[in-house]
Amino acid sequence: MNKWLYRRVAKPGPHLTLCLTEEEQHRVTIKMLGQKLGFPTAGAVCHTFTNETSGELCSVVSVSLHSQERCNAIEMAGLLVHEAVHVWQQYAQDMGETRPGDEQEAYAIQGISQELMAEYARRIA
């Protein structure tokens, strides 16, 4: 079962969740947006949107079943880091940040990546 992850990225940071099935993603996006969003057939995808009720940024990272079955731990980590960069990019854009500091960006991507990897590890254990 997916959950919203801890937001330590750059408080308040975006709401972040990891979906490992199409049903999970649909449940989250229907609740938050009133519609289903495309689930990846391979790889992963990051859907980011603004919660209409709270006005806060939400990022839903979804990993395809194909990737879960085929990727080793290193490849999955790389896939999650890739999606973490997209979460950060959208968050920076939402804040109006056009030139974030290198360290700010690196720590933010590290934090988002760690949250996604920890949640993935928790879910597959």
Protein backbone atom coordinates (compact mmCIF):
# COMPACT_ATOMS: atom_id res chain seq x y z
CA MET A 1 0.00 0.00 0.00
CA ASN A 2 1.46 3.36 -0.97
CA LYS A 3 1.68 6.27 1.45
CA TRP A 4 2.76 9.89 1.36
CA LEU A 5 6.43 10.02 2.25
CA TYR A 6 8.24 12.23 4.76
CA ARG A 7 8.87 15.71 3.34
CA ARG A 8 12.41 16.54 4.43
CA VAL A 9 13.56 17.66 0.96
CA ALA A 10 13.31 21.43 1.30
CA LYS A 11 10.51 22.04 3.71
CA PRO A 12 7.69 22.28 3.07
CA GLY A 13 8.64 20.42 -0.13
CA PRO A 14 6.29 18.53 -2.40
CA HIS A 15 4.06 15.75 -1.18
CA LEU A 16 5.64 12.57 -2.53
CA THR A 17 4.40 9.02 -2.97
CA LEU A 18 5.62 5.89 -4.72
CA CYS A 19 3.19 3.68 -6.62
CA LEU A 20 4.15 0.16 -7.61
CA THR A 21 0.89 -0.80 -9.30
CA GLU A 22 -1.45 0.88 -11.73
CA GLU A 23 -4.29 0.49 -9.22
CA GLU A 24 -2.33 2.39 -6.54
CA GLN A 25 -1.58 5.20 -8.94
CA HIS A 26 -5.19 5.43 -10.08
CA ARG A 27 -6.42 5.48 -6.48
CA VAL A 28 -4.08 8.37 -5.63
CA THR A 29 -4.68 10.43 -8.78
CA ILE A 30 -8.45 9.94 -8.77
CA LYS A 31 -8.56 11.05 -5.12
CA MET A 32 -6.32 14.07 -5.74
CA LEU A 33 -7.26 15.06 -9.31
CA GLY A 34 -10.48 13.26 -10.09
CA GLN A 35 -8.83 11.46 -13.02
CA LYS A 36 -6.49 8.63 -13.91
CA LEU A 37 -3.04 9.44 -15.25
CA GLY A 38 -0.91 7.25 -17.51
CA PHE A 39 0.95 4.40 -15.82
CA PRO A 40 4.32 3.43 -17.33
CA THR A 41 4.54 0.20 -19.32
CA ALA A 42 8.33 0.25 -18.87
CA GLY A 43 10.59 2.35 -16.70
CA ALA A 44 8.99 4.86 -14.40
CA VAL A 45 7.13 8.15 -14.54
CA CYS A 46 6.69 11.17 -12.30
CA HIS A 47 3.34 12.93 -12.36
CA THR A 48 3.34 16.27 -10.56
CA PHE A 49 0.27 18.39 -9.92
CA THR A 50 -1.11 20.96 -7.52
CA ASN A 51 -3.66 19.73 -5.01
CA GLU A 52 -6.74 21.82 -5.72
CA THR A 53 -7.84 21.74 -2.07
CA SER A 54 -4.56 22.62 -0.33
CA GLY A 55 -2.70 24.31 -3.20
CA GLU A 56 0.35 22.17 -2.40
CA LEU A 57 2.55 20.44 -4.94
CA CYS A 58 2.20 16.64 -5.14
CA SER A 59 4.49 14.22 -6.96
CA VAL A 60 3.47 10.65 -7.73
CA VAL A 61 6.37 8.44 -8.83
CA SER A 62 5.21 5.19 -10.43
CA VAL A 63 7.42 2.25 -11.37
CA SER A 64 6.25 -0.23 -13.98
CA LEU A 65 5.84 -3.89 -13.13
CA HIS A 66 8.21 -4.63 -16.02
CA SER A 67 10.95 -2.59 -14.33
CA GLN A 68 10.28 -4.16 -10.94
CA GLU A 69 10.69 -7.62 -12.44
CA ARG A 70 13.70 -6.87 -14.66
CA CYS A 71 15.85 -4.32 -12.80
CA ASN A 72 18.52 -5.31 -10.32
CA ALA A 73 19.02 -3.16 -7.20
CA ILE A 74 21.51 -0.82 -8.88
CA GLU A 75 19.30 -0.27 -11.93
CA MET A 76 16.26 0.38 -9.70
CA ALA A 77 18.27 2.91 -7.67
CA GLY A 78 19.23 4.66 -10.91
CA LEU A 79 15.61 4.70 -12.06
CA LEU A 80 14.46 6.21 -8.76
CA VAL A 81 17.23 8.85 -8.83
CA HIS A 82 16.15 9.75 -12.37
CA GLU A 83 12.57 10.30 -11.19
CA ALA A 84 13.82 12.18 -8.10
CA VAL A 85 15.46 14.69 -10.45
CA HIS A 86 12.07 15.25 -12.12
CA VAL A 87 10.44 15.75 -8.70
CA TRP A 88 13.10 18.34 -7.84
CA GLN A 89 12.86 20.09 -11.22
CA GLN A 90 9.11 20.53 -10.89
CA TYR A 91 9.40 21.66 -7.28
CA ALA A 92 12.07 24.25 -8.18
CA GLN A 93 9.93 25.48 -11.07
CA ASP A 94 6.88 25.70 -8.80
CA MET A 95 8.89 27.84 -6.35
CA GLY A 96 9.99 30.11 -9.21
CA GLU A 97 13.61 29.02 -8.69
CA THR A 98 15.50 29.35 -11.94
CA ARG A 99 19.07 28.95 -10.66
CA PRO A 100 19.15 26.90 -7.46
CA GLY A 101 22.49 26.55 -5.75
CA ASP A 102 24.46 23.44 -6.63
CA GLU A 103 24.47 22.20 -3.03
CA GLN A 104 20.78 22.96 -2.56
CA GLU A 105 19.98 20.96 -5.69
CA ALA A 106 22.29 18.08 -4.77
CA TYR A 107 20.88 17.77 -1.23
CA ALA A 108 17.32 18.00 -2.50
CA ILE A 109 17.83 15.25 -5.09
CA GLN A 110 19.66 13.15 -2.50
CA GLY A 111 16.77 13.54 -0.04
CA ILE A 112 14.08 12.74 -2.60
CA SER A 113 16.08 9.76 -3.89
CA GLN A 114 16.57 8.39 -0.38
CA GLU A 115 12.87 8.69 0.40
CA LEU A 116 11.94 6.86 -2.80
CA MET A 117 14.55 4.13 -2.28
CA ALA A 118 13.60 3.61 1.37
CA GLU A 119 9.94 3.31 0.43
CA TYR A 120 10.75 0.90 -2.41
CA ALA A 121 12.83 -1.23 -0.05
CA ARG A 122 10.06 -1.18 2.56
CA ARG A 123 7.47 -2.22 0.00
CA ILE A 124 9.40 -5.15 -1.49
CA ALA A 125 10.69 -6.53 1.85
